[in-house]
Amino acid sequence: MSCRAGFVWETSQHFCRYLEECGIACELVTPHMLAAPFFRGTFNCLIIPTGFANPKYSRVLPGLRASAPRIGRFVEKGGNLLVFGAAIDRADAYDWLPFPLQYCHDYRPRSVTFGDGNPAGAILADYDAGCIECDGIFSNSGECGTAVLSCSDGAVLIDRQVGAGRVIVTSIHEYPSRAFIAAFCAAGTQTLF
């Protein structure tokens, strides 16, 4: 069975092509499809790219909020969720996730350190961890999951098990490594969204 990713955005992006080059079948899921009760997609993972909460870049956030219960069920049943930075300083940017998360927008390069050997750290396999572009930090990482990657200000990648699936939230402003994306998508169970 092949790996399938749902890419949540308004239009197709280069990220979709990158996923396909990594061997992952990618389907664009627009905010309207995301929130529509009749939409049924089967995916191993959902990917929410950087800028999802900033109205300058997208209109994705209302769709995420409208489908929060579906997203929660998707992950609980074994689907994986990869969420990037909100790209705006909004206290409620991540209120659609199945756990509370505090994000502070602050775009700049950071020196990133690795936590406890969690495989999610492979997201940086193709990069120099001493200078990674990040669009912010997560300040309550201990309450909401494992801080896999951190900088001096706080966490930049959080991993949390939710039911049979995983949620990885990161403020890294780079494409994930090919090895990470292939492993993350393959680890998720193909689940009806």
C-alpha atoms as a PDB file:
ATOM      1  CA  MET A   1       0.000   0.000   0.000  1.00  0.00           C
ATOM      2  CA  SER A   2       1.434   3.404  -0.954  1.00  0.00           C
ATOM      3  CA  CYS A   3       1.770   6.352   1.401  1.00  0.00           C
ATOM      4  CA  ARG A   4      -0.699   9.188   0.889  1.00  0.00           C
ATOM      5  CA  ALA A   5      -0.412  12.698   2.284  1.00  0.00           C
ATOM      6  CA  GLY A   6      -3.123  15.319   2.457  1.00  0.00           C
ATOM      7  CA  PHE A   7      -1.548  18.754   1.914  1.00  0.00           C
ATOM      8  CA  VAL A   8      -3.780  21.427   3.455  1.00  0.00           C
ATOM      9  CA  TRP A   9      -3.594  24.681   1.507  1.00  0.00           C
ATOM     10  CA  GLU A  10      -5.593  26.730  -0.984  1.00  0.00           C
ATOM     11  CA  THR A  11      -3.510  25.953  -4.054  1.00  0.00           C
ATOM     12  CA  SER A  12      -0.892  23.427  -5.034  1.00  0.00           C
ATOM     13  CA  GLN A  13       2.595  24.370  -3.822  1.00  0.00           C
ATOM     14  CA  HIS A  14       6.137  23.272  -4.578  1.00  0.00           C
ATOM     15  CA  PHE A  15       5.951  21.353  -1.273  1.00  0.00           C
ATOM     16  CA  CYS A  16       3.458  18.976  -2.966  1.00  0.00           C
ATOM     17  CA  ARG A  17       5.983  18.213  -5.682  1.00  0.00           C
ATOM     18  CA  TYR A  18       8.680  17.714  -3.050  1.00  0.00           C
ATOM     19  CA  LEU A  19       6.474  15.129  -1.304  1.00  0.00           C
ATOM     20  CA  GLU A  20       5.919  13.296  -4.591  1.00  0.00           C
ATOM     21  CA  GLU A  21       9.677  13.285  -5.240  1.00  0.00           C
ATOM     22  CA  CYS A  22      10.016  11.608  -1.817  1.00  0.00           C
ATOM     23  CA  GLY A  23       7.673   8.821  -3.005  1.00  0.00           C
ATOM     24  CA  ILE A  24       4.572  10.110  -1.214  1.00  0.00           C
ATOM     25  CA  ALA A  25       1.318  10.479  -3.158  1.00  0.00           C
ATOM     26  CA  CYS A  26       0.068  13.984  -2.355  1.00  0.00           C
ATOM     27  CA  GLU A  27      -3.490  15.299  -2.536  1.00  0.00           C
ATOM     28  CA  LEU A  28      -4.307  18.973  -2.141  1.00  0.00           C
ATOM     29  CA  VAL A  29      -6.959  19.507   0.549  1.00  0.00           C
ATOM     30  CA  THR A  30      -8.353  23.038   0.350  1.00  0.00           C
ATOM     31  CA  PRO A  31      -9.869  24.761   3.408  1.00  0.00           C
ATOM     32  CA  HIS A  32     -13.355  24.283   1.907  1.00  0.00           C
ATOM     33  CA  MET A  33     -12.768  20.558   1.405  1.00  0.00           C
ATOM     34  CA  LEU A  34     -11.290  20.285   4.891  1.00  0.00           C
ATOM     35  CA  ALA A  35     -14.413  21.727   6.497  1.00  0.00           C
ATOM     36  CA  ALA A  36     -16.955  20.027   4.204  1.00  0.00           C
ATOM     37  CA  PRO A  37     -18.728  17.131   5.960  1.00  0.00           C
ATOM     38  CA  PHE A  38     -19.007  15.186   2.678  1.00  0.00           C
ATOM     39  CA  PHE A  39     -15.259  15.228   1.960  1.00  0.00           C
ATOM     40  CA  ARG A  40     -13.660  11.839   2.527  1.00  0.00           C
ATOM     41  CA  GLY A  41      -9.986  11.327   1.911  1.00  0.00           C
ATOM     42  CA  THR A  42      -7.786   8.455   3.033  1.00  0.00           C
ATOM     43  CA  PHE A  43      -4.322   9.529   4.122  1.00  0.00           C
ATOM     44  CA  ASN A  44      -1.350   8.333   6.148  1.00  0.00           C
ATOM     45  CA  CYS A  45      -0.656  11.921   7.162  1.00  0.00           C
ATOM     46  CA  LEU A  46      -1.918  15.469   6.911  1.00  0.00           C
ATOM     47  CA  ILE A  47       0.571  18.297   6.410  1.00  0.00           C
ATOM     48  CA  ILE A  48      -0.188  21.901   7.357  1.00  0.00           C
ATOM     49  CA  PRO A  49       2.559  24.205   5.983  1.00  0.00           C
ATOM     50  CA  THR A  50       4.042  27.404   7.398  1.00  0.00           C
ATOM     51  CA  GLY A  51       1.789  30.457   7.399  1.00  0.00           C
ATOM     52  CA  PHE A  52      -1.517  28.645   7.918  1.00  0.00           C
ATOM     53  CA  ALA A  53      -2.753  31.218  10.500  1.00  0.00           C
ATOM     54  CA  ASN A  54      -1.529  34.387   8.812  1.00  0.00           C
ATOM     55  CA  PRO A  55      -4.260  35.956   6.640  1.00  0.00           C
ATOM     56  CA  LYS A  56      -1.536  37.540   4.459  1.00  0.00           C
ATOM     57  CA  TYR A  57      -0.598  34.046   3.269  1.00  0.00           C
ATOM     58  CA  SER A  58      -3.684  31.864   3.572  1.00  0.00           C
ATOM     59  CA  ARG A  59      -7.262  31.349   4.662  1.00  0.00           C
ATOM     60  CA  VAL A  60      -6.593  27.899   6.112  1.00  0.00           C
ATOM     61  CA  LEU A  61      -7.163  28.589   9.832  1.00  0.00           C
ATOM     62  CA  PRO A  62     -11.003  28.771   9.682  1.00  0.00           C
ATOM     63  CA  GLY A  63     -11.063  25.397   7.884  1.00  0.00           C
ATOM     64  CA  LEU A  64      -8.769  23.861  10.499  1.00  0.00           C
ATOM     65  CA  ARG A  65     -11.005  25.134  13.293  1.00  0.00           C
ATOM     66  CA  ALA A  66     -14.159  23.873  11.583  1.00  0.00           C
ATOM     67  CA  SER A  67     -12.622  20.423  11.170  1.00  0.00           C
ATOM     68  CA  ALA A  68     -10.871  20.179  14.568  1.00  0.00           C
ATOM     69  CA  PRO A  69     -12.972  17.172  15.693  1.00  0.00           C
ATOM     70  CA  ARG A  70     -12.222  15.353  12.407  1.00  0.00           C
ATOM     71  CA  ILE A  71      -8.516  16.116  12.718  1.00  0.00           C
ATOM     72  CA  GLY A  72      -8.562  14.743  16.280  1.00  0.00           C
ATOM     73  CA  ARG A  73     -10.302  11.530  15.167  1.00  0.00           C
ATOM     74  CA  PHE A  74      -7.920  11.154  12.214  1.00  0.00           C
ATOM     75  CA  VAL A  75      -4.891  11.206  14.530  1.00  0.00           C
ATOM     76  CA  GLU A  76      -6.498   9.055  17.231  1.00  0.00           C
ATOM     77  CA  LYS A  77      -7.196   6.351  14.637  1.00  0.00           C
ATOM     78  CA  GLY A  78      -3.565   6.253  13.470  1.00  0.00           C
ATOM     79  CA  GLY A  79      -3.047   9.109  11.026  1.00  0.00           C
ATOM     80  CA  ASN A  80      -0.040  11.371  11.508  1.00  0.00           C
ATOM     81  CA  LEU A  81      -0.214  15.167  11.530  1.00  0.00           C
ATOM     82  CA  LEU A  82       2.718  17.451  10.651  1.00  0.00           C
ATOM     83  CA  VAL A  83       2.112  21.127  11.419  1.00  0.00           C
ATOM     84  CA  PHE A  84       4.505  23.981  10.705  1.00  0.00           C
ATOM     85  CA  GLY A  85       4.636  27.528  12.099  1.00  0.00           C
ATOM     86  CA  ALA A  86       1.620  29.808  12.194  1.00  0.00           C
ATOM     87  CA  ALA A  87       3.760  32.766  10.958  1.00  0.00           C
ATOM     88  CA  ILE A  88       1.812  35.262  13.040  1.00  0.00           C
ATOM     89  CA  ASP A  89       1.712  36.126  16.717  1.00  0.00           C
ATOM     90  CA  ARG A  90      -1.760  34.828  17.638  1.00  0.00           C
ATOM     91  CA  ALA A  91      -2.462  33.176  20.965  1.00  0.00           C
ATOM     92  CA  ASP A  92      -5.216  31.089  19.353  1.00  0.00           C
ATOM     93  CA  ALA A  93      -3.323  29.953  16.223  1.00  0.00           C
ATOM     94  CA  TYR A  94      -3.165  26.328  17.375  1.00  0.00           C
ATOM     95  CA  ASP A  95      -6.529  26.101  19.163  1.00  0.00           C
ATOM     96  CA  TRP A  96      -7.723  23.454  16.676  1.00  0.00           C
ATOM     97  CA  LEU A  97      -5.112  20.887  17.802  1.00  0.00           C
ATOM     98  CA  PRO A  98      -6.165  18.128  20.232  1.00  0.00           C
ATOM     99  CA  PHE A  99      -3.950  19.700  22.947  1.00  0.00           C
ATOM    100  CA  PRO A 100      -3.083  23.273  24.020  1.00  0.00           C
ATOM    101  CA  LEU A 101      -0.002  24.856  22.488  1.00  0.00           C
ATOM    102  CA  GLN A 102       1.599  28.267  23.085  1.00  0.00           C
ATOM    103  CA  TYR A 103       3.460  29.749  20.123  1.00  0.00           C
ATOM    104  CA  CYS A 104       5.469  32.964  19.906  1.00  0.00           C
ATOM    105  CA  HIS A 105       6.194  34.223  16.393  1.00  0.00           C
ATOM    106  CA  ASP A 106       9.812  35.367  16.001  1.00  0.00           C
ATOM    107  CA  TYR A 107      11.366  34.643  12.608  1.00  0.00           C
ATOM    108  CA  ARG A 108      15.151  34.326  12.668  1.00  0.00           C
ATOM    109  CA  PRO A 109      17.968  31.799  12.365  1.00  0.00           C
ATOM    110  CA  ARG A 110      18.557  29.692  15.474  1.00  0.00           C
ATOM    111  CA  SER A 111      21.046  27.164  16.726  1.00  0.00           C
ATOM    112  CA  VAL A 112      19.026  24.028  17.413  1.00  0.00           C
ATOM    113  CA  THR A 113      19.870  21.234  19.846  1.00  0.00           C
ATOM    114  CA  PHE A 114      18.477  17.715  19.780  1.00  0.00           C
ATOM    115  CA  GLY A 115      16.557  16.141  22.651  1.00  0.00           C
ATOM    116  CA  ASP A 116      16.437  12.507  23.672  1.00  0.00           C
ATOM    117  CA  GLY A 117      17.167  10.759  20.355  1.00  0.00           C
ATOM    118  CA  ASN A 118      13.556  10.929  19.156  1.00  0.00           C
ATOM    119  CA  PRO A 119      13.414   9.946  15.445  1.00  0.00           C
ATOM    120  CA  ALA A 120      11.543  13.195  14.679  1.00  0.00           C
ATOM    121  CA  GLY A 121      14.921  14.934  14.945  1.00  0.00           C
ATOM    122  CA  ALA A 122      15.673  13.470  11.505  1.00  0.00           C
ATOM    123  CA  ILE A 123      13.632  16.363  10.111  1.00  0.00           C
ATOM    124  CA  LEU A 124      16.965  18.258  10.054  1.00  0.00           C
ATOM    125  CA  ALA A 125      19.054  15.471   8.491  1.00  0.00           C
ATOM    126  CA  ASP A 126      19.804  17.610   5.417  1.00  0.00           C
ATOM    127  CA  TYR A 127      20.640  20.822   7.327  1.00  0.00           C
ATOM    128  CA  ASP A 128      23.199  22.429   9.622  1.00  0.00           C
ATOM    129  CA  ALA A 129      21.518  22.502  13.047  1.00  0.00           C
ATOM    130  CA  GLY A 130      23.776  25.410  14.029  1.00  0.00           C
ATOM    131  CA  CYS A 131      21.828  27.819  11.806  1.00  0.00           C
ATOM    132  CA  ILE A 132      18.227  26.883  11.046  1.00  0.00           C
ATOM    133  CA  GLU A 133      15.554  29.367   9.967  1.00  0.00           C
ATOM    134  CA  CYS A 134      12.645  29.179  12.426  1.00  0.00           C
ATOM    135  CA  ASP A 135       9.538  31.329  12.586  1.00  0.00           C
ATOM    136  CA  GLY A 136       9.027  31.066  16.339  1.00  0.00           C
ATOM    137  CA  ILE A 137       9.111  28.935  19.461  1.00  0.00           C
ATOM    138  CA  PHE A 138       6.734  26.869  21.583  1.00  0.00           C
ATOM    139  CA  SER A 139       6.921  27.860  25.229  1.00  0.00           C
ATOM    140  CA  ASN A 140       4.811  25.162  26.912  1.00  0.00           C
ATOM    141  CA  SER A 141       6.433  22.107  25.360  1.00  0.00           C
ATOM    142  CA  GLY A 142       6.533  20.042  28.551  1.00  0.00           C
ATOM    143  CA  GLU A 143       2.761  20.284  28.917  1.00  0.00           C
ATOM    144  CA  CYS A 144       1.935  19.409  25.318  1.00  0.00           C
ATOM    145  CA  GLY A 145       4.514  16.848  24.255  1.00  0.00           C
ATOM    146  CA  THR A 146       8.179  16.017  23.951  1.00  0.00           C
ATOM    147  CA  ALA A 147      10.497  18.856  22.916  1.00  0.00           C
ATOM    148  CA  VAL A 148      12.606  17.068  20.296  1.00  0.00           C
ATOM    149  CA  LEU A 149      14.412  20.163  18.974  1.00  0.00           C
ATOM    150  CA  SER A 150      15.074  23.270  21.053  1.00  0.00           C
ATOM    151  CA  CYS A 151      16.955  26.525  20.967  1.00  0.00           C
ATOM    152  CA  SER A 152      17.884  28.914  23.780  1.00  0.00           C
ATOM    153  CA  ASP A 153      14.362  30.452  23.753  1.00  0.00           C
ATOM    154  CA  GLY A 154      12.242  27.294  23.756  1.00  0.00           C
ATOM    155  CA  ALA A 155      11.159  24.322  21.662  1.00  0.00           C
ATOM    156  CA  VAL A 156      11.088  24.411  17.853  1.00  0.00           C
ATOM    157  CA  LEU A 157       9.758  20.863  17.364  1.00  0.00           C
ATOM    158  CA  ILE A 158       7.271  19.052  19.582  1.00  0.00           C
ATOM    159  CA  ASP A 159       6.210  15.420  19.193  1.00  0.00           C
ATOM    160  CA  ARG A 160       3.086  14.062  20.846  1.00  0.00           C
ATOM    161  CA  GLN A 161       1.354  10.711  20.620  1.00  0.00           C
ATOM    162  CA  VAL A 162      -2.439  11.093  20.314  1.00  0.00           C
ATOM    163  CA  GLY A 163      -4.261   7.783  20.308  1.00  0.00           C
ATOM    164  CA  ALA A 164      -2.705   5.579  17.618  1.00  0.00           C
ATOM    165  CA  GLY A 165      -1.236   8.546  15.687  1.00  0.00           C
ATOM    166  CA  ARG A 166       1.322  11.283  16.163  1.00  0.00           C
ATOM    167  CA  VAL A 167       1.292  15.047  15.993  1.00  0.00           C
ATOM    168  CA  ILE A 168       4.535  16.835  15.196  1.00  0.00           C
ATOM    169  CA  VAL A 169       4.461  20.620  15.420  1.00  0.00           C
ATOM    170  CA  THR A 170       7.497  22.581  14.305  1.00  0.00           C
ATOM    171  CA  SER A 171       8.475  26.168  13.632  1.00  0.00           C
ATOM    172  CA  ILE A 172      11.363  25.139  11.379  1.00  0.00           C
ATOM    173  CA  HIS A 173      11.116  27.197   8.212  1.00  0.00           C
ATOM    174  CA  GLU A 174      12.700  24.590   5.924  1.00  0.00           C
ATOM    175  CA  TYR A 175      11.411  21.550   4.065  1.00  0.00           C
ATOM    176  CA  PRO A 176      11.722  18.410   6.168  1.00  0.00           C
ATOM    177  CA  SER A 177      14.493  16.029   5.133  1.00  0.00           C
ATOM    178  CA  ARG A 178      13.559  13.374   2.589  1.00  0.00           C
ATOM    179  CA  ALA A 179      14.344  10.581   5.060  1.00  0.00           C
ATOM    180  CA  PHE A 180      12.101  12.147   7.709  1.00  0.00           C
ATOM    181  CA  ILE A 181       9.135  12.745   5.403  1.00  0.00           C
ATOM    182  CA  ALA A 182       9.282   9.202   4.000  1.00  0.00           C
ATOM    183  CA  ALA A 183       9.453   7.642   7.485  1.00  0.00           C
ATOM    184  CA  PHE A 184       6.804   9.952   9.005  1.00  0.00           C
ATOM    185  CA  CYS A 185       4.274   9.335   6.242  1.00  0.00           C
ATOM    186  CA  ALA A 186       4.943   5.588   6.168  1.00  0.00           C
ATOM    187  CA  ALA A 187       4.497   5.345   9.963  1.00  0.00           C
ATOM    188  CA  GLY A 188       0.952   6.663   9.802  1.00  0.00           C
ATOM    189  CA  THR A 189      -1.910   4.253   9.236  1.00  0.00           C
ATOM    190  CA  GLN A 190      -3.946   5.005   6.125  1.00  0.00           C
ATOM    191  CA  THR A 191      -6.973   6.547   7.806  1.00  0.00           C
ATOM    192  CA  LEU A 192     -10.234   8.029   6.593  1.00  0.00           C
ATOM    193  CA  PHE A 193     -10.391  11.760   7.131  1.00  0.00           C
END
